Amino acid sequence: MLNFRTLFPIFLIALACNINQAQLISSVVKDSSTKQPIPYATILQSNKKGVNTNEEGRFSLLLDQNSKDTDSLFISCIGYEGLRKPLNQFTEAVIFLSSKPIELNPVIVSNKQYTAEELIEQVKEHIDKNHSKTLTKKRLFFRDSYHQNLTKSNYTFKESTIAALNEKFLDSVLNTIPKKSSRYTEILGDFYGNYEKDNQKLTLIKASELYDKQSELDITALEEKFNDILKKNIKHDSYFKIKSGLFGTKVDADEIFTPENEGADAEALKKELEEKKKKEENRKKNFASFKKGSLGKIMEKQFFLKDSDLNFIHKDNRYNFKMVDFTYIGDDAVYILDFEPKRSADYKGRLYIHADDFAIIRLDYSNVKSLRTFKLLGVSLDQYLDKGKMIFSKNEKGVYNLRYFEEELGAKVAIKRPLKIIELNKHVKGRNKQNELSLKIDMASSGVNRHEVILFDSETITTQQFNAVQENNTVLPTYMPNYDPEFWKGYNIIEPNQAIKDFTAQVEVE
């Protein structure tokens, strides 16, 4: 079930383009004719290290310490002339790229005029050469964001024998739940392994979280108020029967009366402190583990893996392919193909295929139907959105590595069913029902996750080196009520967009 506390990435925008004492270049890349920003352009130094522009065409690149003003910076994007200039000439606040005119260069003329299906066969034939599955170490920046909308929050009040649990109180419950919320998490770290879950490790370097902490405090205060009402109106030897639809759950009243509520003795307090310490240890461990799991799912999605959900290459008989055009990235010719499912496949998209080595250098995809639906006893789930893009770059050994990944995952959840909370007491003579709260709930929410990953370096490692890696599970995210550009100073990241820059928590909580 979707959480009402949300996550979603946030970027900051640098408007000046210069080389300062920190050796940072910041700018925006635009089309020279339309003056529109160019998203996902690649910015590379001579050593092949670099970044990509965000969806607003902005980037910041921290140069290597041994970089010289005369070293070159290369900017490229599919469909545009490449731009290469010495670092000391990048002084503009805006960098313009010119469209690349389409010409039948010798590469295209000399090659056989492939059909779309023949090009896919060439991709399959060269796939193992173009993409390695060996163990690697990848330095990466991962921005994970989540936006939640509470689209429906209705209930029908039927009965309550506890005066405090009335319609006014239930209204306050719904008012406490934020109708919209966002959470942004960013990490920088080293990701080790291949594309198998059991062969992956993550060591964190730095992490941050951006969200409104006040909404969490409101929910905590409401929980304490609810427990206080129950404490004053029920007996210790009671138990609750919670019924929703056909199912019931038993909850002992003693579970509500914690040592904190009842005046804990020294032993109970000691136990509570030990539990808090254990929770903190688990939180540290689980944060890194959760992020490693998210990155693992992203790695599993690579189209060249046989078990990938993006199976348009290894199961190409399920798809129709259409030659759209060809273009250039710098001086390299690129074929453009569209694909769509013939019958039951899940995705459609566009491929950009290098004319020389038949490597897919960019992939845009989106689902054509809901990937999963569920409906039972008034609870429904619809995973309606899965779209994204992958950009690959060739290393000095001629192997293509993932450089940039972006995806959006969306789901809708709805609950429409009766709910009863009944207090029962087996020691009371006669009818053992003491109190009852009865209502019908009708709630729905929609949430979208957005993941962005940029991989700065990728180097092959041995099994011995992989086994020697000790994961760092102690780094926890630094909380920020609004985006702080100084937090990532000295590190290469994906530039924040305007939404992240503008995010501000309603009330900053110490």
Protein backbone atom coordinates (compact mmCIF):
# COMPACT_ATOMS: atom_id res chain seq x y z
CA MET A 1 0.00 0.00 0.00
CA LEU A 2 1.31 3.43 -0.88
CA ASN A 3 2.71 5.56 1.92
CA PHE A 4 1.27 9.03 2.45
CA ARG A 5 4.76 10.34 3.11
CA THR A 6 6.40 10.99 -0.17
CA LEU A 7 9.63 10.87 -2.10
CA PHE A 8 10.78 12.67 -5.26
CA PRO A 9 14.15 14.14 -6.49
CA ILE A 10 15.12 17.80 -6.34
CA PHE A 11 17.76 19.77 -8.29
CA LEU A 12 19.36 23.21 -8.08
CA ILE A 13 19.99 25.45 -11.11
CA ALA A 14 23.21 27.30 -11.76
CA LEU A 15 22.87 30.19 -14.21
CA ALA A 16 26.46 31.34 -14.70
CA CYS A 17 29.00 29.47 -16.80
CA ASN A 18 32.57 29.92 -15.63
CA ILE A 19 35.61 28.16 -14.27
CA ASN A 20 35.93 29.19 -10.64
CA GLN A 21 38.39 28.33 -7.91
CA ALA A 22 36.52 25.09 -7.23
CA GLN A 23 36.87 24.21 -10.95
CA LEU A 24 33.13 24.01 -11.48
CA ILE A 25 31.48 24.66 -14.85
CA SER A 26 27.74 25.39 -14.75
CA SER A 27 25.57 26.30 -17.70
CA VAL A 28 22.45 25.55 -19.73
CA VAL A 29 22.56 23.96 -23.21
CA LYS A 30 20.06 25.26 -25.79
CA ASP A 31 19.11 24.82 -29.43
CA SER A 32 20.69 27.64 -31.44
CA SER A 33 17.58 28.04 -33.63
CA THR A 34 14.66 27.55 -31.26
CA LYS A 35 16.48 28.74 -28.11
CA GLN A 36 14.83 25.81 -26.29
CA PRO A 37 16.77 23.82 -23.66
CA ILE A 38 18.31 20.53 -24.81
CA PRO A 39 17.75 17.80 -22.20
CA TYR A 40 20.02 14.77 -21.74
CA ALA A 41 22.97 16.17 -23.68
CA THR A 42 26.30 14.56 -22.75
CA ILE A 43 29.10 16.70 -21.29
CA LEU A 44 32.49 14.93 -21.33
CA GLN A 45 36.06 15.78 -20.40
CA SER A 46 39.01 14.37 -22.31
CA ASN A 47 39.17 11.43 -19.87
CA LYS A 48 35.58 10.42 -20.80
CA LYS A 49 34.27 11.49 -17.38
CA GLY A 50 31.31 13.81 -17.30
CA VAL A 51 27.60 14.44 -16.72
CA ASN A 52 24.34 14.87 -18.62
CA THR A 53 22.05 17.88 -18.76
CA ASN A 54 18.80 17.54 -16.82
CA GLU A 55 15.31 17.91 -18.36
CA GLU A 56 15.77 21.70 -18.28
CA GLY A 57 19.05 21.51 -20.21
CA ARG A 58 21.17 22.46 -17.17
CA PHE A 59 24.38 20.89 -15.90
CA SER A 60 27.20 21.42 -13.43
CA LEU A 61 30.51 19.64 -13.91
CA LEU A 62 33.23 19.50 -11.29
CA LEU A 63 36.54 19.23 -13.12
CA ASP A 64 39.38 16.93 -12.13
CA GLN A 65 42.03 18.57 -9.97
CA ASN A 66 44.66 18.03 -12.66
CA SER A 67 42.53 19.63 -15.40
CA LYS A 68 44.14 22.43 -17.37
CA ASP A 69 42.43 25.43 -18.95
CA THR A 70 43.60 24.19 -22.36
CA ASP A 71 41.95 20.76 -21.90
CA SER A 72 38.87 20.22 -24.01
CA LEU A 73 35.24 19.74 -23.10
CA PHE A 74 32.99 17.92 -25.55
CA ILE A 75 29.20 18.44 -25.67
CA SER A 76 27.04 16.16 -27.80
CA CYS A 77 23.42 15.21 -28.28
CA ILE A 78 21.58 13.15 -30.85
CA GLY A 79 20.59 15.34 -33.81
CA TYR A 80 23.10 18.14 -33.07
CA GLU A 81 26.57 19.12 -34.15
CA GLY A 82 29.09 18.20 -31.47
CA LEU A 83 30.85 21.08 -29.74
CA ARG A 84 34.45 20.78 -28.57
CA LYS A 85 36.27 23.72 -26.99
CA PRO A 86 39.07 24.32 -24.48
CA LEU A 87 37.84 24.78 -20.93
CA ASN A 88 39.00 28.39 -20.80
CA GLN A 89 36.61 29.23 -23.66
CA PHE A 90 33.47 28.08 -21.84
CA THR A 91 32.53 31.47 -20.45
CA GLU A 92 28.91 31.84 -21.62
CA ALA A 93 25.87 31.46 -19.37
CA VAL A 94 24.21 29.60 -22.25
CA ILE A 95 25.83 27.09 -24.62
CA PHE A 96 24.16 26.75 -28.03
CA LEU A 97 24.23 23.62 -30.20
CA SER A 98 23.34 23.67 -33.89
CA SER A 99 21.17 21.02 -35.54
CA LYS A 100 23.09 18.50 -37.61
CA PRO A 101 21.97 18.51 -41.26
CA ILE A 102 21.07 15.05 -42.54
CA GLU A 103 23.50 13.95 -45.26
CA LEU A 104 24.16 10.52 -46.74
CA ASN A 105 27.74 10.21 -45.52
CA PRO A 106 30.00 7.34 -46.65
CA VAL A 107 29.00 5.17 -43.69
CA ILE A 108 25.36 5.15 -44.74
CA VAL A 109 26.11 4.87 -48.47
CA SER A 110 28.53 1.96 -48.09
CA ASN A 111 26.31 0.02 -45.71
CA LYS A 112 23.59 -2.23 -46.95
CA GLN A 113 20.21 -0.51 -46.80
CA TYR A 114 18.92 -2.43 -43.80
CA THR A 115 15.30 -3.00 -43.03
CA ALA A 116 14.18 -2.48 -39.43
CA GLU A 117 14.13 -6.23 -38.81
CA GLU A 118 17.62 -6.67 -40.28
CA LEU A 119 18.94 -3.94 -38.00
CA ILE A 120 17.53 -5.73 -34.95
CA GLU A 121 19.28 -8.92 -36.10
CA GLN A 122 22.54 -6.95 -36.28
CA VAL A 123 21.94 -5.61 -32.76
CA LYS A 124 21.41 -9.19 -31.50
CA GLU A 125 24.54 -10.41 -33.29
CA HIS A 126 26.73 -7.69 -31.73
CA ILE A 127 25.06 -7.47 -28.31
CA ASP A 128 27.60 -9.57 -26.38
CA LYS A 129 30.49 -7.60 -27.85
CA ASN A 130 28.87 -4.23 -27.15
CA HIS A 131 27.71 -4.95 -23.59
CA SER A 132 29.78 -6.65 -20.89
CA LYS A 133 28.25 -8.53 -17.92
CA THR A 134 31.47 -8.71 -15.90
CA LEU A 135 31.93 -7.41 -12.35
CA THR A 136 32.43 -3.65 -12.22
CA LYS A 137 32.79 -0.75 -9.81
CA LYS A 138 30.53 2.19 -10.68
CA ARG A 139 30.61 5.63 -9.06
CA LEU A 140 27.06 6.92 -9.29
CA PHE A 141 24.58 9.55 -8.14
CA PHE A 142 21.01 8.34 -7.54
CA ARG A 143 18.04 10.65 -7.09
CA ASP A 144 14.84 8.95 -5.93
CA SER A 145 11.64 10.94 -5.70
CA TYR A 146 8.05 10.17 -4.86
CA HIS A 147 4.93 12.32 -5.25
CA GLN A 148 1.67 11.28 -3.59
CA ASN A 149 -1.84 12.61 -4.22
CA LEU A 150 -4.74 11.65 -1.98
CA THR A 151 -7.47 11.72 -4.63
CA LYS A 152 -10.36 10.58 -2.42
CA SER A 153 -10.84 10.61 1.37
CA ASN A 154 -14.48 9.89 2.18
CA TYR A 155 -16.14 7.90 4.92
CA THR A 156 -19.66 7.18 6.12
CA PHE A 157 -20.03 7.31 9.91
CA LYS A 158 -22.38 4.62 11.25
CA GLU A 159 -21.92 4.08 14.97
CA SER A 160 -19.60 4.81 17.90
CA THR A 161 -20.23 4.06 21.57
CA ILE A 162 -17.08 5.96 22.59
CA ALA A 163 -18.05 9.62 22.62
CA ALA A 164 -14.57 10.87 21.81
CA LEU A 165 -14.40 8.71 18.69
CA ASN A 166 -16.99 10.78 16.85
CA GLU A 167 -17.31 12.30 13.40
CA LYS A 168 -15.38 15.40 14.49
CA PHE A 169 -12.43 13.26 15.55
CA LEU A 170 -12.53 11.23 12.32
CA ASP A 171 -12.58 14.47 10.32
CA SER A 172 -9.44 15.55 12.16
CA VAL A 173 -7.84 12.23 11.17
CA LEU A 174 -8.50 12.89 7.48
CA ASN A 175 -7.41 16.52 7.74
CA THR A 176 -4.09 15.41 9.22
CA ILE A 177 -3.27 13.22 6.24
CA PRO A 178 -1.64 15.50 3.62
CA LYS A 179 -3.54 15.63 0.32
CA LYS A 180 -0.27 16.07 -1.54
CA SER A 181 3.22 15.27 -0.37
CA SER A 182 6.70 14.83 -1.78
CA ARG A 183 9.92 13.28 -0.63
CA TYR A 184 13.30 13.43 -2.36
CA THR A 185 16.28 11.21 -1.55
CA GLU A 186 19.75 11.57 -3.07
CA ILE A 187 22.78 9.36 -2.63
CA LEU A 188 26.35 9.29 -3.90
CA GLY A 189 28.16 6.00 -3.70
CA ASP A 190 30.06 3.15 -5.32
CA PHE A 191 28.01 0.28 -6.72
CA TYR A 192 29.84 -3.00 -7.17
CA GLY A 193 28.82 -6.15 -9.02
CA ASN A 194 27.07 -7.26 -12.18
CA TYR A 195 23.39 -7.70 -12.97
CA GLU A 196 22.62 -10.47 -10.48
CA LYS A 197 21.08 -9.61 -7.10
CA ASP A 198 23.48 -11.83 -5.17
CA ASN A 199 26.47 -10.14 -6.79
CA GLN A 200 25.86 -6.51 -5.81
CA LYS A 201 27.29 -4.25 -3.11
CA LEU A 202 26.88 -0.57 -2.28
CA THR A 203 29.11 1.70 -0.25
CA LEU A 204 27.56 5.08 0.50
CA ILE A 205 29.58 8.29 0.48
CA LYS A 206 26.86 10.87 1.19
CA ALA A 207 23.07 11.05 1.26
CA SER A 208 20.26 13.57 1.77
CA GLU A 209 16.49 13.61 2.24
CA LEU A 210 14.17 16.51 1.45
CA TYR A 211 10.61 16.39 2.79
CA ASP A 212 8.16 18.11 5.12
CA LYS A 213 8.81 16.74 8.59
CA GLN A 214 5.80 18.59 10.03
CA SER A 215 3.37 16.22 8.31
CA GLU A 216 5.01 13.28 10.06
CA LEU A 217 4.74 15.06 13.42
CA ASP A 218 1.04 15.69 12.80
CA ILE A 219 0.43 11.99 12.24
CA THR A 220 2.43 11.08 15.35
CA ALA A 221 0.42 13.55 17.46
CA LEU A 222 -2.80 12.11 16.10
CA GLU A 223 -1.69 8.58 16.99
CA GLU A 224 -0.95 9.70 20.57
CA LYS A 225 -4.37 11.34 20.80
CA PHE A 226 -6.06 8.18 19.55
CA ASN A 227 -4.21 6.04 22.09
CA ASP A 228 -5.14 8.46 24.87
CA ILE A 229 -8.84 8.19 23.97
CA LEU A 230 -8.68 4.40 24.05
CA LYS A 231 -6.76 4.41 27.33
CA LYS A 232 -9.53 6.41 29.02
CA ASN A 233 -12.42 4.38 27.62
CA ILE A 234 -11.44 0.69 27.59
CA LYS A 235 -10.44 -1.95 30.13
CA HIS A 236 -7.03 -3.58 30.41
CA ASP A 237 -8.48 -7.06 30.05
CA SER A 238 -10.31 -6.16 26.85
CA TYR A 239 -9.37 -7.06 23.35
CA PHE A 240 -10.38 -5.63 19.98
CA LYS A 241 -11.92 -7.31 16.99
CA ILE A 242 -11.15 -5.35 13.85
CA LYS A 243 -13.42 -6.34 10.99
CA SER A 244 -13.15 -5.18 7.41
CA GLY A 245 -15.11 -7.13 4.83
CA LEU A 246 -14.86 -10.86 5.48
CA PHE A 247 -11.76 -10.79 7.66
CA GLY A 248 -11.16 -10.03 11.34
CA THR A 249 -8.06 -9.29 13.39
CA LYS A 250 -7.61 -9.54 17.15
CA VAL A 251 -5.62 -6.89 19.04
CA ASP A 252 -5.09 -7.02 22.82
CA ALA A 253 -5.75 -3.80 24.69
CA ASP A 254 -2.48 -4.26 26.58
CA GLU A 255 -0.63 -3.59 23.32
CA ILE A 256 -1.91 -0.01 23.47
CA PHE A 257 -0.75 0.63 27.02
CA THR A 258 2.99 0.98 26.58
CA PRO A 259 5.34 1.52 29.57
CA GLU A 260 5.55 5.17 28.52
CA ASN A 261 1.78 5.55 28.98
CA GLU A 262 1.64 3.63 32.26
CA GLY A 263 4.74 4.93 34.03
CA ALA A 264 7.56 2.59 33.11
CA ASP A 265 9.81 1.14 35.76
CA ALA A 266 13.60 1.09 35.38
CA GLU A 267 13.67 -2.34 33.74
CA ALA A 268 11.02 -1.44 31.21
CA LEU A 269 12.78 1.83 30.41
CA LYS A 270 16.08 0.00 29.90
CA LYS A 271 14.38 -2.42 27.55
CA GLU A 272 12.83 0.44 25.61
CA LEU A 273 16.22 2.14 25.19
CA GLU A 274 17.73 -1.12 23.94
CA GLU A 275 14.92 -1.47 21.42
CA LYS A 276 15.46 2.10 20.21
CA LYS A 277 19.16 1.41 19.78
CA LYS A 278 18.38 -1.72 17.80
CA LYS A 279 15.92 0.19 15.61
CA GLU A 280 18.56 2.84 14.90
CA GLU A 281 21.05 0.13 13.91
CA ASN A 282 18.46 -1.46 11.62
CA ARG A 283 17.63 1.93 10.13
CA LYS A 284 21.25 2.46 9.20
CA LYS A 285 21.48 -0.97 7.68
CA ASN A 286 18.13 -0.82 5.94
CA PHE A 287 18.69 2.57 4.30
CA ALA A 288 21.72 1.33 2.37
CA SER A 289 20.08 -2.04 1.70
CA PHE A 290 16.93 -0.40 0.37
CA LYS A 291 18.90 1.84 -1.98
CA LYS A 292 20.97 -1.12 -3.14
CA GLY A 293 17.75 -2.99 -3.88
CA SER A 294 16.39 -0.06 -5.90
CA LEU A 295 19.61 0.16 -7.92
CA GLY A 296 19.56 -3.61 -8.40
CA LYS A 297 16.10 -3.43 -9.99
CA ILE A 298 17.35 -0.69 -12.30
CA MET A 299 20.33 -2.80 -13.37
CA GLU A 300 18.05 -5.79 -13.99
CA LYS A 301 16.07 -3.69 -16.46
CA GLN A 302 18.91 -3.40 -18.99
CA PHE A 303 17.56 -4.48 -22.36
CA PHE A 304 20.55 -6.70 -23.24
CA LEU A 305 19.79 -9.09 -20.34
CA LYS A 306 17.73 -12.11 -21.36
CA ASP A 307 15.38 -11.85 -18.36
CA SER A 308 14.76 -8.10 -18.74
CA ASP A 309 11.17 -6.86 -18.88
CA LEU A 310 12.37 -4.76 -21.83
CA ASN A 311 12.63 -7.88 -23.96
CA PHE A 312 12.28 -6.35 -27.44
CA ILE A 313 15.70 -7.72 -28.48
CA HIS A 314 15.76 -11.26 -27.09
CA LYS A 315 12.05 -11.75 -27.85
CA ASP A 316 11.83 -9.57 -30.91
CA ASN A 317 9.19 -11.85 -32.48
CA ARG A 318 6.69 -10.20 -30.07
CA TYR A 319 7.24 -6.76 -31.57
CA ASN A 320 6.82 -4.79 -34.77
CA PHE A 321 9.75 -2.56 -35.77
CA LYS A 322 9.65 0.48 -38.03
CA MET A 323 12.54 2.46 -39.51
CA VAL A 324 11.85 6.11 -38.71
CA ASP A 325 14.93 8.01 -39.85
CA PHE A 326 18.62 8.39 -39.24
CA THR A 327 20.52 11.19 -37.58
CA TYR A 328 23.89 11.95 -36.03
CA ILE A 329 25.51 12.21 -32.65
CA GLY A 330 28.55 14.30 -33.42
CA ASP A 331 29.92 12.78 -36.64
CA ASP A 332 28.53 9.28 -35.95
CA ALA A 333 25.52 8.13 -37.97
CA VAL A 334 22.60 6.74 -35.97
CA TYR A 335 19.55 4.78 -37.13
CA ILE A 336 16.21 5.56 -35.45
CA LEU A 337 13.73 2.70 -35.00
CA ASP A 338 10.34 2.56 -33.30
CA PHE A 339 8.95 -0.62 -31.78
CA GLU A 340 5.52 -1.62 -30.50
CA PRO A 341 4.02 -4.91 -29.32
CA LYS A 342 2.29 -7.23 -31.74
CA ARG A 343 -0.03 -8.68 -29.12
CA SER A 344 0.66 -9.16 -25.41
CA ALA A 345 4.02 -7.43 -24.83
CA ASP A 346 4.04 -4.51 -22.41
CA TYR A 347 6.19 -1.77 -23.94
CA LYS A 348 6.62 0.47 -26.95
CA GLY A 349 9.52 2.81 -27.61
CA ARG A 350 12.28 4.25 -29.78
CA LEU A 351 15.81 2.94 -30.38
CA TYR A 352 18.88 4.87 -31.52
CA ILE A 353 21.32 2.40 -33.12
CA HIS A 354 24.94 3.24 -33.99
CA ALA A 355 25.54 2.66 -37.72
CA ASP A 356 29.09 1.26 -37.25
CA ASP A 357 28.82 -1.26 -34.43
CA PHE A 358 25.02 -1.63 -34.13
CA ALA A 359 25.00 -0.70 -30.46
CA ILE A 360 21.83 0.81 -28.99
CA ILE A 361 23.13 4.12 -27.66
CA ARG A 362 19.77 5.42 -26.45
CA LEU A 363 16.44 3.83 -25.59
CA ASP A 364 13.13 5.57 -24.83
CA TYR A 365 10.27 3.32 -23.66
CA SER A 366 6.81 3.41 -22.11
CA ASN A 367 4.21 0.82 -21.16
CA VAL A 368 1.16 0.36 -23.39
CA LYS A 369 -1.09 -1.14 -20.69
CA SER A 370 -1.24 -1.51 -16.93
CA LEU A 371 1.53 -3.83 -15.79
CA ARG A 372 -0.44 -5.17 -12.84
CA THR A 373 -4.00 -4.83 -11.60
CA PHE A 374 -5.61 -6.25 -8.49
CA LYS A 375 -9.12 -6.00 -7.11
CA LEU A 376 -10.54 -7.97 -4.17
CA LEU A 377 -13.01 -7.19 -1.39
CA GLY A 378 -12.99 -3.44 -2.01
CA VAL A 379 -9.19 -3.07 -2.36
CA SER A 380 -7.79 -2.27 -5.81
CA LEU A 381 -4.33 -1.65 -7.25
CA ASP A 382 -3.38 -0.38 -10.71
CA GLN A 383 0.28 -0.11 -11.71
CA TYR A 384 -0.49 2.13 -14.64
CA LEU A 385 2.84 3.80 -15.47
CA ASP A 386 6.33 2.62 -16.38
CA LYS A 387 8.29 4.81 -18.75
CA GLY A 388 11.88 5.90 -19.02
CA LYS A 389 15.07 6.28 -20.99
CA MET A 390 18.60 4.87 -21.03
CA ILE A 391 21.70 6.49 -22.52
CA PHE A 392 24.89 4.49 -23.15
CA SER A 393 28.45 5.57 -23.88
CA LYS A 394 31.45 3.66 -25.23
CA ASN A 395 34.57 3.28 -23.11
CA GLU A 396 38.16 3.03 -24.31
CA LYS A 397 37.77 -0.75 -24.78
CA GLY A 398 34.84 -0.32 -27.14
CA VAL A 399 32.27 -1.57 -24.60
CA TYR A 400 29.07 0.38 -23.98
CA ASN A 401 28.15 1.21 -20.39
CA LEU A 402 24.99 2.77 -19.02
CA ARG A 403 25.65 6.47 -18.41
CA TYR A 404 22.20 7.84 -17.61
CA PHE A 405 18.94 6.19 -16.56
CA GLU A 406 15.54 7.70 -15.86
CA GLU A 407 12.21 6.06 -15.10
CA GLU A 408 8.76 6.98 -13.79
CA LEU A 409 6.66 4.35 -12.02
CA GLY A 410 3.05 5.11 -11.18
CA ALA A 411 0.41 3.26 -9.16
CA LYS A 412 -3.14 3.92 -7.97
CA VAL A 413 -4.58 2.37 -4.82
CA ALA A 414 -8.21 2.48 -3.68
CA ILE A 415 -10.04 1.11 -0.61
CA LYS A 416 -13.83 0.99 -0.41
CA ARG A 417 -15.11 -1.28 2.35
CA PRO A 418 -16.71 -1.32 5.81
CA LEU A 419 -14.59 -1.10 8.96
CA LYS A 420 -15.56 -2.09 12.49
CA ILE A 421 -13.49 -1.85 15.68
CA ILE A 422 -15.22 -3.80 18.47
CA GLU A 423 -14.06 -3.93 22.11
CA LEU A 424 -14.75 -7.30 23.72
CA ASN A 425 -14.14 -8.45 27.33
CA LYS A 426 -14.35 -12.10 28.30
CA HIS A 427 -14.55 -11.28 32.06
CA VAL A 428 -17.73 -9.22 31.76
CA LYS A 429 -20.90 -11.15 32.49
CA GLY A 430 -23.58 -11.23 29.84
CA ARG A 431 -22.75 -9.64 26.53
CA ASN A 432 -19.02 -9.21 26.28
CA LYS A 433 -19.18 -6.43 23.67
CA GLN A 434 -18.21 -3.19 25.41
CA ASN A 435 -17.74 -0.61 22.66
CA GLU A 436 -17.92 -0.38 18.89
CA LEU A 437 -16.81 2.00 16.15
CA SER A 438 -18.42 1.33 12.78
CA LEU A 439 -17.90 3.19 9.50
CA LYS A 440 -17.42 2.71 5.78
CA ILE A 441 -14.28 4.09 4.18
CA ASP A 442 -13.80 5.19 0.58
CA MET A 443 -10.23 6.35 -0.07
CA ALA A 444 -7.92 6.48 -3.08
CA SER A 445 -4.42 7.71 -3.77
CA SER A 446 -2.07 8.00 -6.71
CA GLY A 447 1.72 7.98 -6.44
CA VAL A 448 4.59 8.39 -8.90
CA ASN A 449 8.18 7.38 -8.27
CA ARG A 450 10.90 8.97 -10.37
CA HIS A 451 14.39 7.48 -10.42
CA GLU A 452 17.39 9.17 -11.98
CA VAL A 453 20.87 7.67 -12.03
CA ILE A 454 24.05 9.03 -13.56
CA LEU A 455 27.13 6.82 -13.67
CA PHE A 456 30.38 8.73 -13.74
CA ASP A 457 32.92 5.90 -13.83
CA SER A 458 32.76 2.19 -14.57
CA GLU A 459 35.80 -0.03 -14.19
CA THR A 460 36.12 -3.80 -14.38
CA ILE A 461 37.06 -5.57 -11.13
CA THR A 462 38.02 -9.14 -10.27
CA THR A 463 36.03 -11.56 -8.13
CA GLN A 464 38.70 -11.18 -5.45
CA GLN A 465 38.32 -7.40 -5.44
CA PHE A 466 34.53 -7.71 -5.27
CA ASN A 467 34.70 -10.12 -2.32
CA ALA A 468 37.04 -7.75 -0.48
CA VAL A 469 34.55 -4.85 -0.62
CA GLN A 470 33.07 -3.98 2.77
CA GLU A 471 29.69 -2.29 2.45
CA ASN A 472 29.27 0.98 4.34
CA ASN A 473 25.88 0.76 6.08
CA THR A 474 26.41 3.57 8.58
CA VAL A 475 25.76 6.57 6.31
CA LEU A 476 22.29 8.04 6.88
CA PRO A 477 20.65 10.80 4.85
CA THR A 478 20.92 14.37 6.11
CA TYR A 479 17.46 15.91 6.51
CA MET A 480 16.79 19.17 4.66
CA PRO A 481 13.54 21.20 4.85
CA ASN A 482 14.55 22.87 1.58
CA TYR A 483 17.25 22.26 -1.00
CA ASP A 484 20.72 23.34 0.05
CA PRO A 485 23.13 23.85 -2.90
CA GLU A 486 26.09 23.74 -0.52
CA PHE A 487 25.34 20.16 0.54
CA TRP A 488 26.72 18.62 -2.67
CA LYS A 489 29.48 21.17 -3.17
CA GLY A 490 32.61 19.38 -4.37
CA TYR A 491 30.70 16.47 -5.95
CA ASN A 492 29.29 15.82 -9.39
CA ILE A 493 25.52 15.29 -9.35
CA ILE A 494 22.51 15.62 -11.65
CA GLU A 495 21.47 19.27 -11.69
CA PRO A 496 18.27 19.88 -9.69
CA ASN A 497 15.18 21.05 -11.54
CA GLN A 498 13.00 24.00 -10.58
CA ALA A 499 10.55 21.89 -8.56
CA ILE A 500 13.34 20.73 -6.27
CA LYS A 501 14.79 24.21 -6.00
CA ASP A 502 11.41 25.63 -4.95
CA PHE A 503 10.52 22.94 -2.40
CA THR A 504 10.09 24.27 1.12
CA ALA A 505 8.67 22.48 4.14
CA GLN A 506 5.67 24.27 5.68
CA VAL A 507 7.27 24.41 9.12
CA GLU A 508 10.91 23.71 9.79
CA VAL A 509 11.21 21.32 12.73
CA GLU A 510 14.29 21.13 14.88
